[in-house]
Amino acid sequence: MSDPAAAAPIVLRTQLRPGDIGRVVLLHGELYAREHGYDHTFEAYVAEPLARFAQAGSPRERLWLVERDERVVGCIAIVEAAPEVAQLRWFLVDPNARGMGLGRRLIGEAIAFAREQGYRSIMLWTVEDLQAAAHLYRAAGFRRIARKPGRAWGVDVVEEQYELAPIPLADEARPGPAPA
């Protein structure tokens, strides 16, 4: 017997609805607490710039949400770090939706959007423990440019900065498998 949730269609959307910002914060807070031991201050770290993003409504910034069974199971965003530099933020795929190519698809959407908006490069910050995400970043052409050990969100972390510069033209973009 097949799992009905496995056959549920995946919906990728950028039109924000009431509750979406809170869901992104909740997903990050719960997932990072469960998988990495982060405390409640991580939610504030996500919530504050996410609220600014939602209030600004800049056409050069975008948040993608992945839904399955009308539940948000993934997200990613491009925000403006500087006039020619985009920042990739809030990348997350729920453990129950991993292994379907959603992470690769989200990163591809974010890179394509940044290119369309005229950004010359994309930067991001992550932590060393997120090896699966780092693998996807490197596969998309990002390279690590900085490492910084420290303490944040109630745990010891090694923050890492990645950069994609210049953003490849559409025909130079690294192909990835299409999600089912």
Protein backbone atom coordinates (compact mmCIF):
# COMPACT_ATOMS: atom_id res chain seq x y z
CA MET A 1 0.00 0.00 0.00
CA SER A 2 1.44 3.39 -0.95
CA ASP A 3 1.64 6.37 1.35
CA PRO A 4 -0.99 8.95 0.24
CA ALA A 5 1.18 11.82 1.51
CA ALA A 6 3.99 10.72 -0.80
CA ALA A 7 1.73 11.29 -3.79
CA ALA A 8 0.57 14.73 -2.60
CA PRO A 9 1.29 17.42 -5.17
CA ILE A 10 4.03 19.94 -4.46
CA VAL A 11 3.10 23.60 -4.88
CA LEU A 12 5.74 26.33 -5.13
CA ARG A 13 4.40 29.83 -4.57
CA THR A 14 5.62 33.36 -3.96
CA GLN A 15 2.31 35.06 -3.18
CA LEU A 16 2.32 35.54 0.58
CA ARG A 17 -0.80 34.85 2.62
CA PRO A 18 -1.67 35.66 6.23
CA GLY A 19 0.22 33.28 8.50
CA ASP A 20 3.08 32.57 6.07
CA ILE A 21 5.68 34.69 7.87
CA GLY A 22 4.79 33.06 11.18
CA ARG A 23 5.00 29.60 9.59
CA VAL A 24 8.51 30.28 8.29
CA VAL A 25 9.63 31.38 11.76
CA LEU A 26 7.91 28.36 13.36
CA LEU A 27 9.46 25.90 10.90
CA HIS A 28 12.93 27.31 11.55
CA GLY A 29 12.48 27.40 15.33
CA GLU A 30 11.18 23.84 15.61
CA LEU A 31 13.53 22.26 13.08
CA TYR A 32 16.72 23.88 14.37
CA ALA A 33 15.79 23.11 18.00
CA ARG A 34 15.13 19.47 17.15
CA GLU A 35 18.07 18.88 14.80
CA HIS A 36 20.73 21.22 16.23
CA GLY A 37 19.70 22.14 19.78
CA TYR A 38 19.13 25.85 19.07
CA ASP A 39 17.20 27.84 21.67
CA HIS A 40 14.39 30.38 21.30
CA THR A 41 16.79 33.19 20.35
CA PHE A 42 17.16 31.59 16.92
CA GLU A 43 13.48 32.30 16.25
CA ALA A 44 14.09 35.98 16.99
CA TYR A 45 17.12 35.88 14.66
CA VAL A 46 14.83 34.62 11.88
CA ALA A 47 11.76 36.70 12.78
CA GLU A 48 13.29 40.18 12.90
CA PRO A 49 14.70 40.38 9.35
CA LEU A 50 11.78 38.34 8.01
CA ALA A 51 9.37 40.93 9.41
CA ARG A 52 11.38 43.72 7.76
CA PHE A 53 11.27 41.79 4.47
CA ALA A 54 7.48 41.38 4.69
CA GLN A 55 6.93 45.06 5.50
CA ALA A 56 9.25 46.36 2.77
CA GLY A 57 7.60 44.51 -0.11
CA SER A 58 10.54 45.22 -2.43
CA PRO A 59 10.14 43.90 -5.98
CA ARG A 60 13.87 42.95 -5.87
CA GLU A 61 13.24 40.56 -2.99
CA ARG A 62 11.21 37.36 -2.94
CA LEU A 63 10.22 34.51 -0.62
CA TRP A 64 9.32 31.12 -2.06
CA LEU A 65 7.19 28.67 -0.11
CA VAL A 66 6.82 24.98 -0.87
CA GLU A 67 3.50 23.43 0.09
CA ARG A 68 2.47 19.81 0.30
CA ASP A 69 -1.04 18.93 1.47
CA GLU A 70 -1.58 22.68 2.06
CA ARG A 71 1.27 22.64 4.60
CA VAL A 72 4.45 24.70 4.19
CA VAL A 73 7.35 22.22 3.96
CA GLY A 74 10.08 24.43 2.55
CA CYS A 75 11.19 27.97 1.89
CA ILE A 76 13.98 30.16 0.58
CA ALA A 77 14.37 33.90 -0.05
CA ILE A 78 16.43 36.43 -1.91
CA VAL A 79 16.88 39.78 -0.16
CA GLU A 80 18.98 42.77 -1.12
CA ALA A 81 22.26 42.95 0.80
CA ALA A 82 23.63 45.79 -1.38
CA PRO A 83 22.55 47.24 -4.75
CA GLU A 84 24.43 44.53 -6.70
CA VAL A 85 24.55 41.83 -4.01
CA ALA A 86 21.67 39.50 -3.14
CA GLN A 87 21.54 37.48 0.04
CA LEU A 88 20.04 34.00 0.07
CA ARG A 89 18.12 33.52 3.34
CA TRP A 90 15.71 31.25 5.20
CA PHE A 91 16.47 28.09 3.20
CA LEU A 92 14.76 25.11 4.77
CA VAL A 93 13.18 21.84 3.66
CA ASP A 94 11.17 19.86 6.19
CA PRO A 95 12.70 16.43 6.89
CA ASN A 96 9.53 14.73 5.57
CA ALA A 97 9.97 16.49 2.21
CA ARG A 98 13.71 15.93 1.75
CA GLY A 99 15.16 13.75 -0.99
CA MET A 100 12.67 14.96 -3.60
CA GLY A 101 14.85 17.60 -5.26
CA LEU A 102 13.07 20.49 -3.54
CA GLY A 103 16.24 22.03 -2.11
CA ARG A 104 17.93 22.05 -5.50
CA ARG A 105 14.80 23.51 -7.09
CA LEU A 106 14.51 26.27 -4.48
CA ILE A 107 18.15 27.26 -4.90
CA GLY A 108 17.69 27.28 -8.69
CA GLU A 109 14.63 29.54 -8.40
CA ALA A 110 16.51 31.91 -6.09
CA ILE A 111 19.53 32.14 -8.40
CA ALA A 112 17.33 32.73 -11.46
CA PHE A 113 15.42 35.50 -9.67
CA ALA A 114 18.62 37.20 -8.47
CA ARG A 115 19.93 37.12 -12.04
CA GLU A 116 16.65 38.60 -13.39
CA GLN A 117 16.85 41.40 -10.81
CA GLY A 118 20.33 42.38 -11.98
CA TYR A 119 22.29 41.28 -8.94
CA ARG A 120 25.92 40.47 -9.75
CA SER A 121 26.49 38.09 -6.85
CA ILE A 122 24.68 36.17 -4.13
CA MET A 123 26.03 35.67 -0.63
CA LEU A 124 24.72 33.63 2.26
CA TRP A 125 25.58 32.69 5.82
CA THR A 126 25.09 29.18 7.14
CA VAL A 127 26.60 26.98 9.82
CA GLU A 128 29.09 24.17 9.40
CA ASP A 129 26.64 21.53 10.69
CA LEU A 130 24.34 21.99 7.69
CA GLN A 131 26.33 19.71 5.39
CA ALA A 132 23.42 18.79 3.09
CA ALA A 133 22.69 22.47 2.45
CA ALA A 134 26.39 23.21 1.90
CA HIS A 135 26.52 20.38 -0.65
CA LEU A 136 23.61 21.97 -2.55
CA TYR A 137 25.24 25.41 -2.41
CA ARG A 138 28.52 24.06 -3.80
CA ALA A 139 26.67 22.09 -6.50
CA ALA A 140 25.04 25.38 -7.58
CA GLY A 141 28.44 27.09 -7.86
CA PHE A 142 28.75 28.79 -4.47
CA ARG A 143 32.14 28.77 -2.80
CA ARG A 144 32.93 29.20 0.88
CA ILE A 145 34.75 32.47 1.51
CA ALA A 146 34.76 32.74 5.32
CA ARG A 147 34.49 30.67 8.52
CA LYS A 148 33.86 32.11 11.96
CA PRO A 149 33.59 30.00 15.14
CA GLY A 150 31.45 31.39 17.93
CA ARG A 151 28.44 30.89 20.12
CA ALA A 152 24.90 31.68 19.03
CA TRP A 153 21.39 30.46 19.76
CA GLY A 154 22.53 28.60 22.87
CA VAL A 155 25.14 26.41 21.13
CA ASP A 156 28.68 26.58 19.78
CA VAL A 157 28.60 27.11 16.02
CA VAL A 158 30.97 27.65 13.13
CA GLU A 159 29.37 30.17 10.81
CA GLU A 160 30.31 29.97 7.15
CA GLN A 161 29.85 32.53 4.40
CA TYR A 162 29.34 31.40 0.81
CA GLU A 163 29.31 33.44 -2.38
CA LEU A 164 28.19 32.93 -5.95
CA ALA A 165 30.01 35.50 -8.04
CA PRO A 166 29.38 36.27 -10.74
CA ILE A 167 25.90 34.82 -11.04
CA PRO A 168 26.08 32.52 -14.08
CA LEU A 169 24.00 33.29 -17.14
CA ALA A 170 20.90 31.14 -17.54
CA ASP A 171 22.55 28.85 -20.08
CA GLU A 172 25.59 28.45 -17.80
CA ALA A 173 23.54 27.48 -14.75
CA ARG A 174 24.26 24.05 -13.39
CA PRO A 175 21.44 21.69 -14.27
CA GLY A 176 19.77 19.72 -11.54
CA PRO A 177 17.21 16.98 -11.53
CA ALA A 178 13.65 18.21 -11.76
CA PRO A 179 11.54 17.42 -8.72
CA ALA A 180 8.82 14.85 -9.17
